[in-house]
Amino acid sequence: MNRTRIHWLIGDCLPDHVALLEAVPGVGNVGKLIVDALVKKHPSTLIARILHPDMPPHSTMDDEGLLTPPSMLVHRVMLPDGRYVVTVGGDLQPMTAAGQYEVAEAILEMANPTPQLLVLAGLASEVDKNAIHVICSDTKVRSNLQANDIEVSDSQPEAGMIGVAGLLVSLSPVHQIPAIALVADTVGASADVIAADRLANWIEDALELPLGLDIDTTKETAKKLLASVEVSGSIEEHLGMSAEADDFYV
């Protein structure tokens, strides 16, 4: 039995949207910076919380001064062109393999149907590396991307992809969800604003999804992220893994 619980604050399913973007804390926090910046800059509404007993037992105060349980957050965000995306993010994920699997399964079930699931992440690389790696788990998805002149990696992730992010992409064919991972090379700093900006621009150009972000917004989001990490622990503690796992996509 899946122990994940989705606490709907508005409605009981995902609203209409053109894409679902997911990111959790990880290497460079590349994806998390984009998701958090979208919620911060554009009109957004918290519509659900994803709860699981294996998340770190750290309840926190929200912006309204209310104590909230550890959870992943689901927002509806209006883009500059008037269309909506749904984001799944937050400051943590379950600390166990079983918990990460159950949450990934719950997100995929919640997302069915969705036009596209974009899992945003980073890969620790050398300073002069600035690639965006496009990764998928379904031959039809790969064919559609290649038909639109989008290069799909056939040799990465060489070291594997861990956590909820990797499970979402690898399990997506089971749930018939069109999902891809978009992984940006990063120097691996706690908040790599440059890599996040590069990934956001790639999404706009390649997928024609107007995120409408600027580097100033991303920098402000990074400051808030770093402040929260100082209070609640390291990125590795959020992931439930050791610092030696930096060579994995997260």
C-alpha atoms as a PDB file:
ATOM      1  CA  MET A   1       0.000   0.000   0.000  1.00  0.00           C
ATOM      2  CA  ASN A   2       1.328   3.430  -0.968  1.00  0.00           C
ATOM      3  CA  ARG A   3       1.751   5.543   2.157  1.00  0.00           C
ATOM      4  CA  THR A   4       1.773   8.824   0.241  1.00  0.00           C
ATOM      5  CA  ARG A   5      -1.105  11.178   0.933  1.00  0.00           C
ATOM      6  CA  ILE A   6      -2.055  14.099  -1.268  1.00  0.00           C
ATOM      7  CA  HIS A   7      -3.812  16.768   0.782  1.00  0.00           C
ATOM      8  CA  TRP A   8      -5.831  18.820  -1.688  1.00  0.00           C
ATOM      9  CA  LEU A   9      -6.320  22.435  -0.630  1.00  0.00           C
ATOM     10  CA  ILE A  10      -8.230  23.348  -3.794  1.00  0.00           C
ATOM     11  CA  GLY A  11     -10.218  20.780  -5.763  1.00  0.00           C
ATOM     12  CA  ASP A  12      -9.317  17.098  -5.861  1.00  0.00           C
ATOM     13  CA  CYS A  13      -7.210  16.803  -9.019  1.00  0.00           C
ATOM     14  CA  LEU A  14      -4.804  18.822 -11.132  1.00  0.00           C
ATOM     15  CA  PRO A  15      -6.303  21.787 -13.003  1.00  0.00           C
ATOM     16  CA  ASP A  16      -5.825  22.303 -16.730  1.00  0.00           C
ATOM     17  CA  HIS A  17      -2.168  22.923 -17.538  1.00  0.00           C
ATOM     18  CA  VAL A  18       0.311  22.774 -20.403  1.00  0.00           C
ATOM     19  CA  ALA A  19       3.164  21.229 -18.429  1.00  0.00           C
ATOM     20  CA  LEU A  20       4.016  19.786 -15.031  1.00  0.00           C
ATOM     21  CA  LEU A  21       7.451  20.810 -13.727  1.00  0.00           C
ATOM     22  CA  GLU A  22       9.062  18.893 -10.854  1.00  0.00           C
ATOM     23  CA  ALA A  23      12.213  19.646  -8.897  1.00  0.00           C
ATOM     24  CA  VAL A  24      13.566  18.927  -5.438  1.00  0.00           C
ATOM     25  CA  PRO A  25      16.789  20.000  -3.682  1.00  0.00           C
ATOM     26  CA  GLY A  26      19.839  18.567  -5.388  1.00  0.00           C
ATOM     27  CA  VAL A  27      23.142  19.293  -7.084  1.00  0.00           C
ATOM     28  CA  GLY A  28      23.289  23.055  -7.615  1.00  0.00           C
ATOM     29  CA  ASN A  29      19.568  23.215  -6.833  1.00  0.00           C
ATOM     30  CA  VAL A  30      19.176  24.033 -10.507  1.00  0.00           C
ATOM     31  CA  GLY A  31      15.629  22.754 -10.965  1.00  0.00           C
ATOM     32  CA  LYS A  32      14.471  23.945  -7.558  1.00  0.00           C
ATOM     33  CA  LEU A  33      15.567  27.495  -8.332  1.00  0.00           C
ATOM     34  CA  ILE A  34      13.419  27.498 -11.477  1.00  0.00           C
ATOM     35  CA  VAL A  35      10.342  26.042  -9.791  1.00  0.00           C
ATOM     36  CA  ASP A  36      10.615  28.361  -6.790  1.00  0.00           C
ATOM     37  CA  ALA A  37      11.198  31.389  -9.030  1.00  0.00           C
ATOM     38  CA  LEU A  38       8.093  30.562 -11.087  1.00  0.00           C
ATOM     39  CA  VAL A  39       5.978  30.433  -7.929  1.00  0.00           C
ATOM     40  CA  LYS A  40       7.530  33.656  -6.638  1.00  0.00           C
ATOM     41  CA  LYS A  41       7.330  35.782  -9.795  1.00  0.00           C
ATOM     42  CA  HIS A  42       4.029  34.792 -11.393  1.00  0.00           C
ATOM     43  CA  PRO A  43       0.462  34.537 -10.047  1.00  0.00           C
ATOM     44  CA  SER A  44       0.433  31.198  -8.232  1.00  0.00           C
ATOM     45  CA  THR A  45      -1.795  29.197  -5.923  1.00  0.00           C
ATOM     46  CA  LEU A  46      -0.875  26.357  -3.585  1.00  0.00           C
ATOM     47  CA  ILE A  47      -3.347  23.623  -4.509  1.00  0.00           C
ATOM     48  CA  ALA A  48      -1.996  20.549  -2.678  1.00  0.00           C
ATOM     49  CA  ARG A  49       0.621  19.132  -0.325  1.00  0.00           C
ATOM     50  CA  ILE A  50       2.246  15.730  -0.859  1.00  0.00           C
ATOM     51  CA  LEU A  51       2.782  14.029   2.502  1.00  0.00           C
ATOM     52  CA  HIS A  52       4.805  10.955   3.373  1.00  0.00           C
ATOM     53  CA  PRO A  53       5.903   9.537   6.754  1.00  0.00           C
ATOM     54  CA  ASP A  54       9.525   9.108   5.573  1.00  0.00           C
ATOM     55  CA  MET A  55      10.046  12.821   5.050  1.00  0.00           C
ATOM     56  CA  PRO A  56      12.277  14.514   7.645  1.00  0.00           C
ATOM     57  CA  PRO A  57      10.126  15.176  10.746  1.00  0.00           C
ATOM     58  CA  HIS A  58      10.582  18.936  10.588  1.00  0.00           C
ATOM     59  CA  SER A  59       7.421  21.047  10.622  1.00  0.00           C
ATOM     60  CA  THR A  60       7.929  24.692   9.634  1.00  0.00           C
ATOM     61  CA  MET A  61       6.121  28.017   9.814  1.00  0.00           C
ATOM     62  CA  ASP A  62       4.549  29.249   6.587  1.00  0.00           C
ATOM     63  CA  ASP A  63       4.179  32.839   5.374  1.00  0.00           C
ATOM     64  CA  GLU A  64       0.955  33.200   7.361  1.00  0.00           C
ATOM     65  CA  GLY A  65       2.565  32.093  10.621  1.00  0.00           C
ATOM     66  CA  LEU A  66       0.967  28.636  10.624  1.00  0.00           C
ATOM     67  CA  LEU A  67       2.862  25.449  11.393  1.00  0.00           C
ATOM     68  CA  THR A  68       2.884  23.175   8.357  1.00  0.00           C
ATOM     69  CA  PRO A  69       3.926  19.509   8.025  1.00  0.00           C
ATOM     70  CA  PRO A  70       6.939  18.373   5.988  1.00  0.00           C
ATOM     71  CA  SER A  71       5.685  18.027   2.435  1.00  0.00           C
ATOM     72  CA  MET A  72       6.228  18.607  -1.253  1.00  0.00           C
ATOM     73  CA  LEU A  73       4.176  21.498  -2.607  1.00  0.00           C
ATOM     74  CA  VAL A  74       1.933  21.547  -5.675  1.00  0.00           C
ATOM     75  CA  HIS A  75       1.272  24.989  -7.190  1.00  0.00           C
ATOM     76  CA  ARG A  76      -0.707  26.229 -10.129  1.00  0.00           C
ATOM     77  CA  VAL A  77       1.242  29.010 -11.861  1.00  0.00           C
ATOM     78  CA  MET A  78       0.065  31.355 -14.614  1.00  0.00           C
ATOM     79  CA  LEU A  79       2.696  32.039 -17.266  1.00  0.00           C
ATOM     80  CA  PRO A  80       3.073  35.422 -19.004  1.00  0.00           C
ATOM     81  CA  ASP A  81       1.073  34.178 -22.024  1.00  0.00           C
ATOM     82  CA  GLY A  82      -1.920  33.323 -19.817  1.00  0.00           C
ATOM     83  CA  ARG A  83      -1.417  29.567 -19.890  1.00  0.00           C
ATOM     84  CA  TYR A  84      -0.903  27.549 -16.717  1.00  0.00           C
ATOM     85  CA  VAL A  85       1.739  25.136 -15.532  1.00  0.00           C
ATOM     86  CA  VAL A  86       1.720  22.994 -12.403  1.00  0.00           C
ATOM     87  CA  THR A  87       4.859  22.800 -10.275  1.00  0.00           C
ATOM     88  CA  VAL A  88       5.837  20.143  -7.757  1.00  0.00           C
ATOM     89  CA  GLY A  89       8.621  21.276  -5.464  1.00  0.00           C
ATOM     90  CA  GLY A  90       9.549  22.068  -1.907  1.00  0.00           C
ATOM     91  CA  ASP A  91      12.535  21.757   0.379  1.00  0.00           C
ATOM     92  CA  LEU A  92      12.691  17.979   0.804  1.00  0.00           C
ATOM     93  CA  GLN A  93      11.714  14.494  -0.287  1.00  0.00           C
ATOM     94  CA  PRO A  94      11.418  11.195   1.616  1.00  0.00           C
ATOM     95  CA  MET A  95      14.667  10.012   3.201  1.00  0.00           C
ATOM     96  CA  THR A  96      14.204   6.335   2.268  1.00  0.00           C
ATOM     97  CA  ALA A  97      14.257   4.486  -1.040  1.00  0.00           C
ATOM     98  CA  ALA A  98      10.766   3.090  -0.395  1.00  0.00           C
ATOM     99  CA  GLY A  99       9.425   6.553   0.405  1.00  0.00           C
ATOM    100  CA  GLN A 100      10.919   8.067  -2.734  1.00  0.00           C
ATOM    101  CA  TYR A 101       9.419   5.278  -4.836  1.00  0.00           C
ATOM    102  CA  GLU A 102       5.976   5.730  -3.278  1.00  0.00           C
ATOM    103  CA  VAL A 103       6.010   9.498  -3.751  1.00  0.00           C
ATOM    104  CA  ALA A 104       7.109   9.131  -7.381  1.00  0.00           C
ATOM    105  CA  GLU A 105       4.267   6.676  -8.009  1.00  0.00           C
ATOM    106  CA  ALA A 106       1.768   9.048  -6.355  1.00  0.00           C
ATOM    107  CA  ILE A 107       2.945  12.006  -8.459  1.00  0.00           C
ATOM    108  CA  LEU A 108       2.643   9.981 -11.671  1.00  0.00           C
ATOM    109  CA  GLU A 109      -0.852   8.851 -10.718  1.00  0.00           C
ATOM    110  CA  MET A 110      -1.801  12.441  -9.873  1.00  0.00           C
ATOM    111  CA  ALA A 111      -0.349  13.638 -13.188  1.00  0.00           C
ATOM    112  CA  ASN A 112      -2.341  11.227 -15.345  1.00  0.00           C
ATOM    113  CA  PRO A 113      -3.165  12.802 -17.703  1.00  0.00           C
ATOM    114  CA  THR A 114      -0.675  15.606 -18.308  1.00  0.00           C
ATOM    115  CA  PRO A 115       0.606  17.000 -21.636  1.00  0.00           C
ATOM    116  CA  GLN A 116       4.224  16.788 -20.480  1.00  0.00           C
ATOM    117  CA  LEU A 117       6.185  16.153 -17.298  1.00  0.00           C
ATOM    118  CA  LEU A 118       9.491  17.992 -17.052  1.00  0.00           C
ATOM    119  CA  VAL A 119      11.861  16.848 -14.310  1.00  0.00           C
ATOM    120  CA  LEU A 120      14.484  19.553 -13.720  1.00  0.00           C
ATOM    121  CA  ALA A 121      17.849  18.706 -12.192  1.00  0.00           C
ATOM    122  CA  GLY A 122      21.583  19.378 -12.174  1.00  0.00           C
ATOM    123  CA  LEU A 123      24.793  17.431 -12.723  1.00  0.00           C
ATOM    124  CA  ALA A 124      28.062  18.376 -11.030  1.00  0.00           C
ATOM    125  CA  SER A 125      30.498  19.170 -13.859  1.00  0.00           C
ATOM    126  CA  GLU A 126      33.640  21.088 -14.657  1.00  0.00           C
ATOM    127  CA  VAL A 127      33.438  24.890 -14.776  1.00  0.00           C
ATOM    128  CA  ASP A 128      33.660  24.977 -18.583  1.00  0.00           C
ATOM    129  CA  LYS A 129      30.767  22.530 -19.087  1.00  0.00           C
ATOM    130  CA  ASN A 130      27.377  24.088 -19.846  1.00  0.00           C
ATOM    131  CA  ALA A 131      25.308  21.415 -21.587  1.00  0.00           C
ATOM    132  CA  ILE A 132      21.630  20.644 -21.100  1.00  0.00           C
ATOM    133  CA  HIS A 133      21.111  16.872 -21.129  1.00  0.00           C
ATOM    134  CA  VAL A 134      17.698  15.670 -22.330  1.00  0.00           C
ATOM    135  CA  ILE A 135      16.864  12.236 -20.946  1.00  0.00           C
ATOM    136  CA  CYS A 136      13.800  10.059 -21.425  1.00  0.00           C
ATOM    137  CA  SER A 137      12.614   6.500 -20.794  1.00  0.00           C
ATOM    138  CA  ASP A 138      10.206   5.982 -23.671  1.00  0.00           C
ATOM    139  CA  THR A 139      10.965   5.444 -27.354  1.00  0.00           C
ATOM    140  CA  LYS A 140       7.876   7.394 -28.474  1.00  0.00           C
ATOM    141  CA  VAL A 141       8.844  10.379 -26.355  1.00  0.00           C
ATOM    142  CA  ARG A 142      12.376  10.215 -27.760  1.00  0.00           C
ATOM    143  CA  SER A 143      11.083  10.070 -31.339  1.00  0.00           C
ATOM    144  CA  ASN A 144       8.859  13.107 -30.783  1.00  0.00           C
ATOM    145  CA  LEU A 145      11.762  15.087 -29.347  1.00  0.00           C
ATOM    146  CA  GLN A 146      14.075  14.151 -32.205  1.00  0.00           C
ATOM    147  CA  ALA A 147      11.375  15.047 -34.729  1.00  0.00           C
ATOM    148  CA  ASN A 148      11.500  18.548 -33.257  1.00  0.00           C
ATOM    149  CA  ASP A 149      15.292  18.704 -33.595  1.00  0.00           C
ATOM    150  CA  ILE A 150      15.900  18.188 -29.881  1.00  0.00           C
ATOM    151  CA  GLU A 151      18.965  16.072 -29.197  1.00  0.00           C
ATOM    152  CA  VAL A 152      18.310  13.278 -26.700  1.00  0.00           C
ATOM    153  CA  SER A 153      21.157  11.845 -24.660  1.00  0.00           C
ATOM    154  CA  ASP A 154      21.929   8.182 -25.360  1.00  0.00           C
ATOM    155  CA  SER A 155      24.918   7.900 -23.033  1.00  0.00           C
ATOM    156  CA  GLN A 156      23.824   9.778 -19.935  1.00  0.00           C
ATOM    157  CA  PRO A 157      23.156   9.493 -17.069  1.00  0.00           C
ATOM    158  CA  GLU A 158      26.328   7.444 -16.906  1.00  0.00           C
ATOM    159  CA  ALA A 159      26.275   7.378 -13.088  1.00  0.00           C
ATOM    160  CA  GLY A 160      22.518   6.967 -12.743  1.00  0.00           C
ATOM    161  CA  MET A 161      19.763   9.239 -11.505  1.00  0.00           C
ATOM    162  CA  ILE A 162      18.656   8.953  -7.906  1.00  0.00           C
ATOM    163  CA  GLY A 163      15.716  10.004  -5.772  1.00  0.00           C
ATOM    164  CA  VAL A 164      12.203  11.020  -6.768  1.00  0.00           C
ATOM    165  CA  ALA A 165      13.509  12.748  -9.904  1.00  0.00           C
ATOM    166  CA  GLY A 166      15.025   9.632 -11.445  1.00  0.00           C
ATOM    167  CA  LEU A 167      12.065   7.473 -10.491  1.00  0.00           C
ATOM    168  CA  LEU A 168       9.582   9.883 -12.084  1.00  0.00           C
ATOM    169  CA  VAL A 169      11.289   9.619 -15.449  1.00  0.00           C
ATOM    170  CA  SER A 170      12.109   5.899 -15.365  1.00  0.00           C
ATOM    171  CA  LEU A 171       8.616   4.905 -14.174  1.00  0.00           C
ATOM    172  CA  SER A 172       6.758   7.255 -16.532  1.00  0.00           C
ATOM    173  CA  PRO A 173       6.186   4.633 -19.274  1.00  0.00           C
ATOM    174  CA  VAL A 174       4.414   2.414 -16.732  1.00  0.00           C
ATOM    175  CA  HIS A 175       1.892   5.211 -16.187  1.00  0.00           C
ATOM    176  CA  GLN A 176       1.863   6.300 -19.852  1.00  0.00           C
ATOM    177  CA  ILE A 177       3.083   9.776 -18.918  1.00  0.00           C
ATOM    178  CA  PRO A 178       5.256  11.684 -21.450  1.00  0.00           C
ATOM    179  CA  ALA A 179       8.169  12.610 -19.208  1.00  0.00           C
ATOM    180  CA  ILE A 180      11.679  13.898 -19.749  1.00  0.00           C
ATOM    181  CA  ALA A 181      14.516  14.925 -17.476  1.00  0.00           C
ATOM    182  CA  LEU A 182      16.262  18.190 -18.285  1.00  0.00           C
ATOM    183  CA  VAL A 183      19.625  18.169 -16.552  1.00  0.00           C
ATOM    184  CA  ALA A 184      21.945  21.162 -16.585  1.00  0.00           C
ATOM    185  CA  ASP A 185      25.682  20.989 -16.023  1.00  0.00           C
ATOM    186  CA  THR A 186      26.503  22.875 -12.832  1.00  0.00           C
ATOM    187  CA  VAL A 187      29.562  23.666 -10.768  1.00  0.00           C
ATOM    188  CA  GLY A 188      27.632  22.063  -7.906  1.00  0.00           C
ATOM    189  CA  ALA A 189      27.302  25.130  -5.672  1.00  0.00           C
ATOM    190  CA  SER A 190      24.387  25.152  -3.236  1.00  0.00           C
ATOM    191  CA  ALA A 191      22.481  27.491  -5.548  1.00  0.00           C
ATOM    192  CA  ASP A 192      23.803  27.743  -9.117  1.00  0.00           C
ATOM    193  CA  VAL A 193      21.899  30.735 -10.484  1.00  0.00           C
ATOM    194  CA  ILE A 194      23.745  30.715 -13.811  1.00  0.00           C
ATOM    195  CA  ALA A 195      22.890  27.075 -14.547  1.00  0.00           C
ATOM    196  CA  ALA A 196      19.258  27.656 -13.561  1.00  0.00           C
ATOM    197  CA  ASP A 197      19.039  30.653 -15.881  1.00  0.00           C
ATOM    198  CA  ARG A 198      20.598  28.619 -18.696  1.00  0.00           C
ATOM    199  CA  LEU A 199      18.102  25.782 -18.200  1.00  0.00           C
ATOM    200  CA  ALA A 200      15.130  28.182 -18.052  1.00  0.00           C
ATOM    201  CA  ASN A 201      16.219  29.793 -21.336  1.00  0.00           C
ATOM    202  CA  TRP A 202      16.620  26.354 -22.936  1.00  0.00           C
ATOM    203  CA  ILE A 203      13.061  25.417 -21.942  1.00  0.00           C
ATOM    204  CA  GLU A 204      11.729  28.638 -23.458  1.00  0.00           C
ATOM    205  CA  ASP A 205      13.601  28.188 -26.737  1.00  0.00           C
ATOM    206  CA  ALA A 206      13.340  24.421 -27.254  1.00  0.00           C
ATOM    207  CA  LEU A 207       9.902  23.708 -25.800  1.00  0.00           C
ATOM    208  CA  GLU A 208       8.307  27.111 -26.502  1.00  0.00           C
ATOM    209  CA  LEU A 209       7.243  27.408 -22.880  1.00  0.00           C
ATOM    210  CA  PRO A 210       7.499  31.077 -21.834  1.00  0.00           C
ATOM    211  CA  LEU A 211       8.674  30.850 -18.231  1.00  0.00           C
ATOM    212  CA  GLY A 212       9.262  34.595 -18.112  1.00  0.00           C
ATOM    213  CA  LEU A 213      12.067  34.402 -15.551  1.00  0.00           C
ATOM    214  CA  ASP A 214      15.038  36.751 -15.221  1.00  0.00           C
ATOM    215  CA  ILE A 215      18.308  36.271 -13.449  1.00  0.00           C
ATOM    216  CA  ASP A 216      17.417  38.853 -10.771  1.00  0.00           C
ATOM    217  CA  THR A 217      14.382  36.814  -9.729  1.00  0.00           C
ATOM    218  CA  THR A 218      16.500  33.667  -9.680  1.00  0.00           C
ATOM    219  CA  LYS A 219      19.151  35.374  -7.535  1.00  0.00           C
ATOM    220  CA  GLU A 220      16.502  36.462  -5.030  1.00  0.00           C
ATOM    221  CA  THR A 221      15.139  32.926  -4.933  1.00  0.00           C
ATOM    222  CA  ALA A 222      18.661  31.613  -4.345  1.00  0.00           C
ATOM    223  CA  LYS A 223      19.122  33.907  -1.336  1.00  0.00           C
ATOM    224  CA  LYS A 224      15.926  32.581   0.214  1.00  0.00           C
ATOM    225  CA  LEU A 225      16.938  28.987  -0.519  1.00  0.00           C
ATOM    226  CA  LEU A 226      20.352  29.377   1.091  1.00  0.00           C
ATOM    227  CA  ALA A 227      18.775  30.935   4.171  1.00  0.00           C
ATOM    228  CA  SER A 228      16.367  27.994   4.511  1.00  0.00           C
ATOM    229  CA  VAL A 229      19.176  25.444   4.161  1.00  0.00           C
ATOM    230  CA  GLU A 230      21.116  27.124   6.943  1.00  0.00           C
ATOM    231  CA  VAL A 231      18.121  26.671   9.244  1.00  0.00           C
ATOM    232  CA  SER A 232      16.955  23.194   8.248  1.00  0.00           C
ATOM    233  CA  GLY A 233      20.176  21.363   7.396  1.00  0.00           C
ATOM    234  CA  SER A 234      22.303  20.481   4.404  1.00  0.00           C
ATOM    235  CA  ILE A 235      21.097  19.462   0.973  1.00  0.00           C
ATOM    236  CA  GLU A 236      22.409  15.941   1.605  1.00  0.00           C
ATOM    237  CA  GLU A 237      20.276  15.702   4.748  1.00  0.00           C
ATOM    238  CA  HIS A 238      17.192  16.711   2.748  1.00  0.00           C
ATOM    239  CA  LEU A 239      17.955  14.020   0.170  1.00  0.00           C
ATOM    240  CA  GLY A 240      18.718  11.354   2.725  1.00  0.00           C
ATOM    241  CA  MET A 241      22.082  10.588   1.132  1.00  0.00           C
ATOM    242  CA  SER A 242      25.766  11.169   1.684  1.00  0.00           C
ATOM    243  CA  ALA A 243      27.740  14.022   0.196  1.00  0.00           C
ATOM    244  CA  GLU A 244      29.707  11.467  -1.860  1.00  0.00           C
ATOM    245  CA  ALA A 245      26.723  11.103  -4.226  1.00  0.00           C
ATOM    246  CA  ASP A 246      27.392  14.418  -6.005  1.00  0.00           C
ATOM    247  CA  ASP A 247      28.237  12.695  -9.281  1.00  0.00           C
ATOM    248  CA  PHE A 248      24.645  11.527  -9.674  1.00  0.00           C
ATOM    249  CA  TYR A 249      21.848  13.479 -11.272  1.00  0.00           C
ATOM    250  CA  VAL A 250      19.476  14.760  -8.580  1.00  0.00           C
END
